[in-house]
Amino acid sequence: MSEVEETFQRIKNHKSVQAIVIVNNEGSIIRSHFASDRKDDAEAIARTIPQLTQKARSTIRDLDPQNELTFLRIRSKNNEIMVAPDKDFMLIVVQGPKGDKKDEDK
């Protein structure tokens, strides 16, 4: 098994992961995995997250031309989206909400 395949499987097997999408620079899906209730989201993720990542990358460069975006994490009430951009592709992982420590104490 290749290193890429091993990494993909390790991420996929994490209990809170709902989706994994790998897209190329044109936004085409190279590979994806979704929990059963999230399959319709692949195209939406592939269409919107790369655009958001490009805007974040531009903002980082505007603030400091010597800097570059290496990781983007977006946390919402319902889930968390983590993006690892590379020059040829982008790894996008969607995971379910994690209970905050203060929520667990209640």
PDB file of N, CA and C in Angstrom:
ATOM      1  N   MET A   1       0.850  -1.177   0.000  1.00  0.00           N
ATOM      2  CA  MET A   1       0.000   0.000   0.000  1.00  0.00           C
ATOM      3  C   MET A   1       0.895   1.240   0.000  1.00  0.00           C
ATOM      4  N   SER A   2       0.574   2.187  -0.846  1.00  0.00           N
ATOM      5  CA  SER A   2       1.390   3.394  -0.951  1.00  0.00           C
ATOM      6  C   SER A   2       1.192   4.295   0.269  1.00  0.00           C
ATOM      7  N   GLU A   3       2.113   5.214   0.439  1.00  0.00           N
ATOM      8  CA  GLU A   3       2.027   6.146   1.561  1.00  0.00           C
ATOM      9  C   GLU A   3       0.757   6.995   1.471  1.00  0.00           C
ATOM     10  N   VAL A   4       0.392   7.391   0.256  1.00  0.00           N
ATOM     11  CA  VAL A   4      -0.825   8.185   0.061  1.00  0.00           C
ATOM     12  C   VAL A   4      -2.051   7.376   0.462  1.00  0.00           C
ATOM     13  N   GLU A   5      -2.097   6.119   0.025  1.00  0.00           N
ATOM     14  CA  GLU A   5      -3.228   5.249   0.360  1.00  0.00           C
ATOM     15  C   GLU A   5      -3.321   5.013   1.867  1.00  0.00           C
ATOM     16  N   GLU A   6      -2.186   4.803   2.512  1.00  0.00           N
ATOM     17  CA  GLU A   6      -2.166   4.597   3.962  1.00  0.00           C
ATOM     18  C   GLU A   6      -2.677   5.832   4.696  1.00  0.00           C
ATOM     19  N   THR A   7      -2.251   6.996   4.256  1.00  0.00           N
ATOM     20  CA  THR A   7      -2.697   8.243   4.879  1.00  0.00           C
ATOM     21  C   THR A   7      -4.194   8.434   4.672  1.00  0.00           C
ATOM     22  N   PHE A   8      -4.675   8.177   3.454  1.00  0.00           N
ATOM     23  CA  PHE A   8      -6.099   8.296   3.149  1.00  0.00           C
ATOM     24  C   PHE A   8      -6.908   7.374   4.058  1.00  0.00           C
ATOM     25  N   GLN A   9      -6.471   6.133   4.207  1.00  0.00           N
ATOM     26  CA  GLN A   9      -7.183   5.170   5.055  1.00  0.00           C
ATOM     27  C   GLN A   9      -7.160   5.583   6.529  1.00  0.00           C
ATOM     28  N   ARG A  10      -6.020   6.091   6.976  1.00  0.00           N
ATOM     29  CA  ARG A  10      -5.902   6.516   8.375  1.00  0.00           C
ATOM     30  C   ARG A  10      -6.868   7.661   8.668  1.00  0.00           C
ATOM     31  N   ILE A  11      -6.941   8.631   7.761  1.00  0.00           N
ATOM     32  CA  ILE A  11      -7.869   9.753   7.943  1.00  0.00           C
ATOM     33  C   ILE A  11      -9.308   9.250   7.885  1.00  0.00           C
ATOM     34  N   LYS A  12      -9.607   8.415   6.896  1.00  0.00           N
ATOM     35  CA  LYS A  12     -10.967   7.896   6.700  1.00  0.00           C
ATOM     36  C   LYS A  12     -11.470   7.123   7.914  1.00  0.00           C
ATOM     37  N   ASN A  13     -10.583   6.422   8.581  1.00  0.00           N
ATOM     38  CA  ASN A  13     -10.983   5.590   9.713  1.00  0.00           C
ATOM     39  C   ASN A  13     -11.145   6.356  11.020  1.00  0.00           C
ATOM     40  N   HIS A  14     -10.813   7.618  11.033  1.00  0.00           N
ATOM     41  CA  HIS A  14     -11.015   8.421  12.239  1.00  0.00           C
ATOM     42  C   HIS A  14     -12.519   8.577  12.452  1.00  0.00           C
ATOM     43  N   LYS A  15     -12.987   8.365  13.668  1.00  0.00           N
ATOM     44  CA  LYS A  15     -14.435   8.272  13.909  1.00  0.00           C
ATOM     45  C   LYS A  15     -15.218   9.552  13.614  1.00  0.00           C
ATOM     46  N   SER A  16     -14.612  10.722  13.699  1.00  0.00           N
ATOM     47  CA  SER A  16     -15.364  11.953  13.457  1.00  0.00           C
ATOM     48  C   SER A  16     -15.332  12.420  12.000  1.00  0.00           C
ATOM     49  N   VAL A  17     -14.567  11.752  11.140  1.00  0.00           N
ATOM     50  CA  VAL A  17     -14.459  12.167   9.733  1.00  0.00           C
ATOM     51  C   VAL A  17     -15.739  11.827   8.983  1.00  0.00           C
ATOM     52  N   GLN A  18     -16.309  12.855   8.363  1.00  0.00           N
ATOM     53  CA  GLN A  18     -17.528  12.680   7.578  1.00  0.00           C
ATOM     54  C   GLN A  18     -17.237  12.626   6.085  1.00  0.00           C
ATOM     55  N   ALA A  19     -16.160  13.289   5.655  1.00  0.00           N
ATOM     56  CA  ALA A  19     -15.848  13.334   4.228  1.00  0.00           C
ATOM     57  C   ALA A  19     -14.377  13.633   4.014  1.00  0.00           C
ATOM     58  N   ILE A  20     -13.852  13.080   2.927  1.00  0.00           N
ATOM     59  CA  ILE A  20     -12.515  13.405   2.454  1.00  0.00           C
ATOM     60  C   ILE A  20     -12.651  13.652   0.960  1.00  0.00           C
ATOM     61  N   VAL A  21     -12.120  14.773   0.495  1.00  0.00           N
ATOM     62  CA  VAL A  21     -12.158  15.077  -0.930  1.00  0.00           C
ATOM     63  C   VAL A  21     -10.766  15.539  -1.343  1.00  0.00           C
ATOM     64  N   ILE A  22     -10.252  14.971  -2.403  1.00  0.00           N
ATOM     65  CA  ILE A  22      -8.999  15.424  -2.991  1.00  0.00           C
ATOM     66  C   ILE A  22      -9.354  15.980  -4.358  1.00  0.00           C
ATOM     67  N   VAL A  23      -9.017  17.255  -4.579  1.00  0.00           N
ATOM     68  CA  VAL A  23      -9.307  17.910  -5.850  1.00  0.00           C
ATOM     69  C   VAL A  23      -8.017  18.413  -6.478  1.00  0.00           C
ATOM     70  N   ASN A  24      -8.021  18.520  -7.816  1.00  0.00           N
ATOM     71  CA  ASN A  24      -6.869  19.097  -8.495  1.00  0.00           C
ATOM     72  C   ASN A  24      -7.057  20.616  -8.584  1.00  0.00           C
ATOM     73  N   ASN A  25      -6.128  21.304  -9.231  1.00  0.00           N
ATOM     74  CA  ASN A  25      -6.188  22.770  -9.307  1.00  0.00           C
ATOM     75  C   ASN A  25      -7.395  23.294 -10.081  1.00  0.00           C
ATOM     76  N   GLU A  26      -7.967  22.466 -10.935  1.00  0.00           N
ATOM     77  CA  GLU A  26      -9.150  22.877 -11.694  1.00  0.00           C
ATOM     78  C   GLU A  26     -10.444  22.630 -10.917  1.00  0.00           C
ATOM     79  N   GLY A  27     -10.343  22.024  -9.739  1.00  0.00           N
ATOM     80  CA  GLY A  27     -11.515  21.748  -8.924  1.00  0.00           C
ATOM     81  C   GLY A  27     -12.177  20.423  -9.237  1.00  0.00           C
ATOM     82  N   SER A  28     -11.533  19.598 -10.059  1.00  0.00           N
ATOM     83  CA  SER A  28     -12.081  18.274 -10.374  1.00  0.00           C
ATOM     84  C   SER A  28     -11.734  17.307  -9.243  1.00  0.00           C
ATOM     85  N   ILE A  29     -12.696  16.492  -8.889  1.00  0.00           N
ATOM     86  CA  ILE A  29     -12.490  15.525  -7.812  1.00  0.00           C
ATOM     87  C   ILE A  29     -11.582  14.406  -8.300  1.00  0.00           C
ATOM     88  N   ILE A  30     -10.490  14.204  -7.587  1.00  0.00           N
ATOM     89  CA  ILE A  30      -9.567  13.119  -7.885  1.00  0.00           C
ATOM     90  C   ILE A  30      -9.997  11.869  -7.122  1.00  0.00           C
ATOM     91  N   ARG A  31     -10.361  12.082  -5.875  1.00  0.00           N
ATOM     92  CA  ARG A  31     -10.782  10.970  -5.014  1.00  0.00           C
ATOM     93  C   ARG A  31     -11.640  11.523  -3.898  1.00  0.00           C
ATOM     94  N   SER A  32     -12.587  10.729  -3.439  1.00  0.00           N
ATOM     95  CA  SER A  32     -13.419  11.177  -2.327  1.00  0.00           C
ATOM     96  C   SER A  32     -13.943   9.982  -1.546  1.00  0.00           C
ATOM     97  N   HIS A  33     -14.304  10.279  -0.319  1.00  0.00           N
ATOM     98  CA  HIS A  33     -14.956   9.304   0.556  1.00  0.00           C
ATOM     99  C   HIS A  33     -15.929  10.090   1.424  1.00  0.00           C
ATOM    100  N   PHE A  34     -17.159   9.593   1.533  1.00  0.00           N
ATOM    101  CA  PHE A  34     -18.170  10.258   2.341  1.00  0.00           C
ATOM    102  C   PHE A  34     -18.870   9.271   3.237  1.00  0.00           C
ATOM    103  N   ALA A  35     -19.233   9.748   4.424  1.00  0.00           N
ATOM    104  CA  ALA A  35     -20.144   8.978   5.261  1.00  0.00           C
ATOM    105  C   ALA A  35     -21.458   8.881   4.487  1.00  0.00           C
ATOM    106  N   SER A  36     -22.241   7.881   4.751  1.00  0.00           N
ATOM    107  CA  SER A  36     -23.435   7.600   3.937  1.00  0.00           C
ATOM    108  C   SER A  36     -24.392   8.780   3.791  1.00  0.00           C
ATOM    109  N   ASP A  37     -24.497   9.623   4.796  1.00  0.00           N
ATOM    110  CA  ASP A  37     -25.460  10.728   4.727  1.00  0.00           C
ATOM    111  C   ASP A  37     -24.860  11.999   4.122  1.00  0.00           C
ATOM    112  N   ARG A  38     -23.655  11.965   3.576  1.00  0.00           N
ATOM    113  CA  ARG A  38     -22.997  13.172   3.064  1.00  0.00           C
ATOM    114  C   ARG A  38     -22.600  13.063   1.590  1.00  0.00           C
ATOM    115  N   LYS A  39     -23.025  12.043   0.880  1.00  0.00           N
ATOM    116  CA  LYS A  39     -22.569  11.809  -0.489  1.00  0.00           C
ATOM    117  C   LYS A  39     -22.908  12.942  -1.456  1.00  0.00           C
ATOM    118  N   ASP A  40     -23.988  13.653  -1.242  1.00  0.00           N
ATOM    119  CA  ASP A  40     -24.382  14.730  -2.148  1.00  0.00           C
ATOM    120  C   ASP A  40     -23.497  15.969  -2.018  1.00  0.00           C
ATOM    121  N   ASP A  41     -22.642  16.006  -1.025  1.00  0.00           N
ATOM    122  CA  ASP A  41     -21.833  17.196  -0.776  1.00  0.00           C
ATOM    123  C   ASP A  41     -20.541  17.263  -1.585  1.00  0.00           C
ATOM    124  N   ALA A  42     -20.158  16.204  -2.283  1.00  0.00           N
ATOM    125  CA  ALA A  42     -18.863  16.166  -2.984  1.00  0.00           C
ATOM    126  C   ALA A  42     -18.706  17.315  -3.966  1.00  0.00           C
ATOM    127  N   GLU A  43     -19.681  17.508  -4.806  1.00  0.00           N
ATOM    128  CA  GLU A  43     -19.585  18.575  -5.811  1.00  0.00           C
ATOM    129  C   GLU A  43     -19.572  19.955  -5.166  1.00  0.00           C
ATOM    130  N   ALA A  44     -20.382  20.154  -4.134  1.00  0.00           N
ATOM    131  CA  ALA A  44     -20.406  21.451  -3.452  1.00  0.00           C
ATOM    132  C   ALA A  44     -19.062  21.759  -2.798  1.00  0.00           C
ATOM    133  N   ILE A  45     -18.473  20.747  -2.173  1.00  0.00           N
ATOM    134  CA  ILE A  45     -17.170  20.931  -1.549  1.00  0.00           C
ATOM    135  C   ILE A  45     -16.119  21.228  -2.605  1.00  0.00           C
ATOM    136  N   ALA A  46     -16.112  20.460  -3.684  1.00  0.00           N
ATOM    137  CA  ALA A  46     -15.126  20.642  -4.751  1.00  0.00           C
ATOM    138  C   ALA A  46     -15.281  21.990  -5.447  1.00  0.00           C
ATOM    139  N   ARG A  47     -16.482  22.531  -5.457  1.00  0.00           N
ATOM    140  CA  ARG A  47     -16.745  23.805  -6.126  1.00  0.00           C
ATOM    141  C   ARG A  47     -16.424  25.000  -5.229  1.00  0.00           C
ATOM    142  N   THR A  48     -16.722  24.916  -3.940  1.00  0.00           N
ATOM    143  CA  THR A  48     -16.621  26.094  -3.077  1.00  0.00           C
ATOM    144  C   THR A  48     -15.352  26.204  -2.251  1.00  0.00           C
ATOM    145  N   ILE A  49     -14.872  25.118  -1.701  1.00  0.00           N
ATOM    146  CA  ILE A  49     -13.711  25.176  -0.807  1.00  0.00           C
ATOM    147  C   ILE A  49     -12.443  25.634  -1.539  1.00  0.00           C
ATOM    148  N   PRO A  50     -12.162  25.152  -2.759  1.00  0.00           N
ATOM    149  CA  PRO A  50     -10.976  25.678  -3.455  1.00  0.00           C
ATOM    150  C   PRO A  50     -11.041  27.193  -3.693  1.00  0.00           C
ATOM    151  N   GLN A  51     -12.232  27.723  -3.963  1.00  0.00           N
ATOM    152  CA  GLN A  51     -12.373  29.173  -4.135  1.00  0.00           C
ATOM    153  C   GLN A  51     -12.062  29.904  -2.839  1.00  0.00           C
ATOM    154  N   LEU A  52     -12.586  29.404  -1.743  1.00  0.00           N
ATOM    155  CA  LEU A  52     -12.317  30.010  -0.442  1.00  0.00           C
ATOM    156  C   LEU A  52     -10.832  29.926  -0.103  1.00  0.00           C
ATOM    157  N   THR A  53     -10.226  28.789  -0.398  1.00  0.00           N
ATOM    158  CA  THR A  53      -8.801  28.604  -0.122  1.00  0.00           C
ATOM    159  C   THR A  53      -7.961  29.567  -0.954  1.00  0.00           C
ATOM    160  N   GLN A  54      -8.333  29.773  -2.202  1.00  0.00           N
ATOM    161  CA  GLN A  54      -7.602  30.716  -3.050  1.00  0.00           C
ATOM    162  C   GLN A  54      -7.706  32.137  -2.507  1.00  0.00           C
ATOM    163  N   LYS A  55      -8.861  32.504  -1.991  1.00  0.00           N
ATOM    164  CA  LYS A  55      -9.021  33.837  -1.392  1.00  0.00           C
ATOM    165  C   LYS A  55      -8.173  33.970  -0.135  1.00  0.00           C
ATOM    166  N   ALA A  56      -8.137  32.915   0.681  1.00  0.00           N
ATOM    167  CA  ALA A  56      -7.294  32.936   1.877  1.00  0.00           C
ATOM    168  C   ALA A  56      -5.824  33.026   1.491  1.00  0.00           C
ATOM    169  N   ARG A  57      -5.416  32.286   0.463  1.00  0.00           N
ATOM    170  CA  ARG A  57      -4.038  32.328  -0.026  1.00  0.00           C
ATOM    171  C   ARG A  57      -3.669  33.737  -0.497  1.00  0.00           C
ATOM    172  N   SER A  58      -4.573  34.376  -1.231  1.00  0.00           N
ATOM    173  CA  SER A  58      -4.331  35.747  -1.706  1.00  0.00           C
ATOM    174  C   SER A  58      -4.223  36.730  -0.546  1.00  0.00           C
ATOM    175  N   THR A  59      -5.057  36.556   0.455  1.00  0.00           N
ATOM    176  CA  THR A  59      -5.025  37.441   1.622  1.00  0.00           C
ATOM    177  C   THR A  59      -3.697  37.317   2.363  1.00  0.00           C
ATOM    178  N   ILE A  60      -3.230  36.091   2.539  1.00  0.00           N
ATOM    179  CA  ILE A  60      -1.946  35.869   3.209  1.00  0.00           C
ATOM    180  C   ILE A  60      -0.830  36.553   2.419  1.00  0.00           C
ATOM    181  N   ARG A  61      -0.838  36.397   1.105  1.00  0.00           N
ATOM    182  CA  ARG A  61       0.187  37.029   0.258  1.00  0.00           C
ATOM    183  C   ARG A  61       0.088  38.550   0.287  1.00  0.00           C
ATOM    184  N   ASP A  62      -1.134  39.087   0.351  1.00  0.00           N
ATOM    185  CA  ASP A  62      -1.301  40.544   0.435  1.00  0.00           C
ATOM    186  C   ASP A  62      -0.723  41.088   1.731  1.00  0.00           C
ATOM    187  N   LEU A  63      -0.892  40.346   2.807  1.00  0.00           N
ATOM    188  CA  LEU A  63      -0.368  40.776   4.106  1.00  0.00           C
ATOM    189  C   LEU A  63       1.146  40.646   4.189  1.00  0.00           C
ATOM    190  N   ASP A  64       1.675  39.595   3.580  1.00  0.00           N
ATOM    191  CA  ASP A  64       3.115  39.348   3.605  1.00  0.00           C
ATOM    192  C   ASP A  64       3.500  38.578   2.343  1.00  0.00           C
ATOM    193  N   PRO A  65       4.083  39.255   1.353  1.00  0.00           N
ATOM    194  CA  PRO A  65       4.416  38.601   0.085  1.00  0.00           C
ATOM    195  C   PRO A  65       5.386  37.420   0.224  1.00  0.00           C
ATOM    196  N   GLN A  66       6.101  37.328   1.323  1.00  0.00           N
ATOM    197  CA  GLN A  66       7.047  36.235   1.539  1.00  0.00           C
ATOM    198  C   GLN A  66       6.391  35.027   2.210  1.00  0.00           C
ATOM    199  N   ASN A  67       5.131  35.146   2.568  1.00  0.00           N
ATOM    200  CA  ASN A  67       4.435  34.098   3.299  1.00  0.00           C
ATOM    201  C   ASN A  67       3.522  33.317   2.357  1.00  0.00           C
ATOM    202  N   GLU A  68       3.086  32.135   2.770  1.00  0.00           N
ATOM    203  CA  GLU A  68       2.142  31.364   1.973  1.00  0.00           C
ATOM    204  C   GLU A  68       1.221  30.551   2.872  1.00  0.00           C
ATOM    205  N   LEU A  69       0.054  30.256   2.362  1.00  0.00           N
ATOM    206  CA  LEU A  69      -0.927  29.463   3.085  1.00  0.00           C
ATOM    207  C   LEU A  69      -0.500  28.001   3.084  1.00  0.00           C
ATOM    208  N   THR A  70      -0.424  27.397   4.259  1.00  0.00           N
ATOM    209  CA  THR A  70      -0.047  25.990   4.348  1.00  0.00           C
ATOM    210  C   THR A  70      -1.191  25.115   4.852  1.00  0.00           C
ATOM    211  N   PHE A  71      -2.150  25.704   5.574  1.00  0.00           N
ATOM    212  CA  PHE A  71      -3.263  24.937   6.120  1.00  0.00           C
ATOM    213  C   PHE A  71      -4.398  25.899   6.432  1.00  0.00           C
ATOM    214  N   LEU A  72      -5.620  25.484   6.179  1.00  0.00           N
ATOM    215  CA  LEU A  72      -6.796  26.301   6.463  1.00  0.00           C
ATOM    216  C   LEU A  72      -7.774  25.458   7.260  1.00  0.00           C
ATOM    217  N   ARG A  73      -8.225  25.993   8.376  1.00  0.00           N
ATOM    218  CA  ARG A  73      -9.174  25.285   9.239  1.00  0.00           C
ATOM    219  C   ARG A  73     -10.383  26.182   9.455  1.00  0.00           C
ATOM    220  N   ILE A  74     -11.557  25.648   9.168  1.00  0.00           N
ATOM    221  CA  ILE A  74     -12.809  26.390   9.299  1.00  0.00           C
ATOM    222  C   ILE A  74     -13.697  25.612  10.245  1.00  0.00           C
ATOM    223  N   ARG A  75     -14.050  26.237  11.342  1.00  0.00           N
ATOM    224  CA  ARG A  75     -14.893  25.559  12.332  1.00  0.00           C
ATOM    225  C   ARG A  75     -16.232  26.274  12.396  1.00  0.00           C
ATOM    226  N   SER A  76     -17.289  25.508  12.252  1.00  0.00           N
ATOM    227  CA  SER A  76     -18.638  26.057  12.352  1.00  0.00           C
ATOM    228  C   SER A  76     -19.374  25.327  13.469  1.00  0.00           C
ATOM    229  N   LYS A  77     -20.608  25.699  13.650  1.00  0.00           N
ATOM    230  CA  LYS A  77     -21.426  25.058  14.677  1.00  0.00           C
ATOM    231  C   LYS A  77     -21.630  23.571  14.378  1.00  0.00           C
ATOM    232  N   ASN A  78     -21.760  23.224  13.098  1.00  0.00           N
ATOM    233  CA  ASN A  78     -22.098  21.855  12.712  1.00  0.00           C
ATOM    234  C   ASN A  78     -20.913  20.961  12.383  1.00  0.00           C
ATOM    235  N   ASN A  79     -19.815  21.531  11.896  1.00  0.00           N
ATOM    236  CA  ASN A  79     -18.666  20.698  11.543  1.00  0.00           C
ATOM    237  C   ASN A  79     -17.402  21.534  11.420  1.00  0.00           C
ATOM    238  N   GLU A  80     -16.349  20.865  11.018  1.00  0.00           N
ATOM    239  CA  GLU A  80     -15.058  21.503  10.855  1.00  0.00           C
ATOM    240  C   GLU A  80     -14.505  21.052   9.505  1.00  0.00           C
ATOM    241  N   ILE A  81     -13.995  22.017   8.740  1.00  0.00           N
ATOM    242  CA  ILE A  81     -13.418  21.713   7.438  1.00  0.00           C
ATOM    243  C   ILE A  81     -11.937  22.058   7.510  1.00  0.00           C
ATOM    244  N   MET A  82     -11.100  21.091   7.174  1.00  0.00           N
ATOM    245  CA  MET A  82      -9.655  21.294   7.192  1.00  0.00           C
ATOM    246  C   MET A  82      -9.139  21.125   5.775  1.00  0.00           C
ATOM    247  N   VAL A  83      -8.320  22.087   5.340  1.00  0.00           N
ATOM    248  CA  VAL A  83      -7.824  22.102   3.976  1.00  0.00           C
ATOM    249  C   VAL A  83      -6.305  22.152   3.993  1.00  0.00           C
ATOM    250  N   ALA A  84      -5.698  21.221   3.283  1.00  0.00           N
ATOM    251  CA  ALA A  84      -4.244  21.206   3.122  1.00  0.00           C
ATOM    252  C   ALA A  84      -3.958  21.415   1.630  1.00  0.00           C
ATOM    253  N   PRO A  85      -3.677  22.666   1.233  1.00  0.00           N
ATOM    254  CA  PRO A  85      -3.409  22.922  -0.181  1.00  0.00           C
ATOM    255  C   PRO A  85      -1.981  22.548  -0.558  1.00  0.00           C
ATOM    256  N   ASP A  86      -1.810  22.111  -1.774  1.00  0.00           N
ATOM    257  CA  ASP A  86      -0.501  21.809  -2.330  1.00  0.00           C
ATOM    258  C   ASP A  86      -0.464  22.461  -3.710  1.00  0.00           C
ATOM    259  N   LYS A  87       0.663  22.411  -4.399  1.00  0.00           N
ATOM    260  CA  LYS A  87       0.714  23.092  -5.690  1.00  0.00           C
ATOM    261  C   LYS A  87      -0.113  22.392  -6.759  1.00  0.00           C
ATOM    262  N   ASP A  88      -0.303  21.081  -6.663  1.00  0.00           N
ATOM    263  CA  ASP A  88      -1.040  20.343  -7.687  1.00  0.00           C
ATOM    264  C   ASP A  88      -2.416  19.862  -7.257  1.00  0.00           C
ATOM    265  N   PHE A  89      -2.672  19.782  -5.962  1.00  0.00           N
ATOM    266  CA  PHE A  89      -3.954  19.281  -5.484  1.00  0.00           C
ATOM    267  C   PHE A  89      -4.257  19.861  -4.113  1.00  0.00           C
ATOM    268  N   MET A  90      -5.454  19.546  -3.619  1.00  0.00           N
ATOM    269  CA  MET A  90      -5.899  20.036  -2.323  1.00  0.00           C
ATOM    270  C   MET A  90      -6.613  18.901  -1.591  1.00  0.00           C
ATOM    271  N   LEU A  91      -6.223  18.677  -0.340  1.00  0.00           N
ATOM    272  CA  LEU A  91      -6.867  17.679   0.502  1.00  0.00           C
ATOM    273  C   LEU A  91      -7.848  18.405   1.411  1.00  0.00           C
ATOM    274  N   ILE A  92      -9.107  17.981   1.364  1.00  0.00           N
ATOM    275  CA  ILE A  92     -10.164  18.597   2.158  1.00  0.00           C
ATOM    276  C   ILE A  92     -10.785  17.513   3.036  1.00  0.00           C
ATOM    277  N   VAL A  93     -10.819  17.767   4.329  1.00  0.00           N
ATOM    278  CA  VAL A  93     -11.405  16.814   5.277  1.00  0.00           C
ATOM    279  C   VAL A  93     -12.509  17.525   6.044  1.00  0.00           C
ATOM    280  N   VAL A  94     -13.674  16.910   6.075  1.00  0.00           N
ATOM    281  CA  VAL A  94     -14.803  17.431   6.851  1.00  0.00           C
ATOM    282  C   VAL A  94     -15.012  16.476   8.009  1.00  0.00           C
ATOM    283  N   GLN A  95     -15.036  17.038   9.218  1.00  0.00           N
ATOM    284  CA  GLN A  95     -15.294  16.185  10.375  1.00  0.00           C
ATOM    285  C   GLN A  95     -16.407  16.776  11.215  1.00  0.00           C
ATOM    286  N   GLY A  96     -17.057  15.899  11.941  1.00  0.00           N
ATOM    287  CA  GLY A  96     -18.167  16.303  12.791  1.00  0.00           C
ATOM    288  C   GLY A  96     -17.687  17.135  13.956  1.00  0.00           C
ATOM    289  N   PRO A  97     -18.630  17.736  14.647  1.00  0.00           N
ATOM    290  CA  PRO A  97     -18.267  18.585  15.785  1.00  0.00           C
ATOM    291  C   PRO A  97     -17.656  17.767  16.908  1.00  0.00           C
ATOM    292  N   LYS A  98     -16.701  18.373  17.548  1.00  0.00           N
ATOM    293  CA  LYS A  98     -16.105  17.762  18.734  1.00  0.00           C
ATOM    294  C   LYS A  98     -16.645  18.505  19.933  1.00  0.00           C
ATOM    295  N   GLY A  99     -17.064  17.788  20.937  1.00  0.00           N
ATOM    296  CA  GLY A  99     -17.565  18.437  22.142  1.00  0.00           C
ATOM    297  C   GLY A  99     -16.462  19.201  22.841  1.00  0.00           C
ATOM    298  N   ASP A 100     -16.749  20.435  23.196  1.00  0.00           N
ATOM    299  CA  ASP A 100     -15.787  21.219  23.959  1.00  0.00           C
ATOM    300  C   ASP A 100     -15.692  20.652  25.361  1.00  0.00           C
ATOM    301  N   LYS A 101     -14.593  20.850  26.004  1.00  0.00           N
ATOM    302  CA  LYS A 101     -14.359  20.357  27.363  1.00  0.00           C
ATOM    303  C   LYS A 101     -15.457  20.844  28.302  1.00  0.00           C
ATOM    304  N   LYS A 102     -15.834  22.122  28.160  1.00  0.00           N
ATOM    305  CA  LYS A 102     -16.859  22.655  29.059  1.00  0.00           C
ATOM    306  C   LYS A 102     -18.218  22.023  28.804  1.00  0.00           C
ATOM    307  N   ASP A 103     -18.501  21.592  27.537  1.00  0.00           N
ATOM    308  CA  ASP A 103     -19.744  20.913  27.246  1.00  0.00           C
ATOM    309  C   ASP A 103     -19.778  19.516  27.852  1.00  0.00           C
ATOM    310  N   GLU A 104     -18.616  18.853  27.893  1.00  0.00           N
ATOM    311  CA  GLU A 104     -18.554  17.502  28.441  1.00  0.00           C
ATOM    312  C   GLU A 104     -18.747  17.491  29.947  1.00  0.00           C
ATOM    313  N   ASP A 105     -18.407  18.602  30.625  1.00  0.00           N
ATOM    314  CA  ASP A 105     -18.522  18.657  32.069  1.00  0.00           C
ATOM    315  C   ASP A 105     -19.960  18.833  32.547  1.00  0.00           C
ATOM    316  N   LYS A 106     -20.856  19.202  31.656  1.00  0.00           N
ATOM    317  CA  LYS A 106     -22.256  19.455  32.063  1.00  0.00           C
ATOM    318  C   LYS A 106     -23.006  18.187  32.302  1.00  0.00           C
TER     319      LYS A 106
END
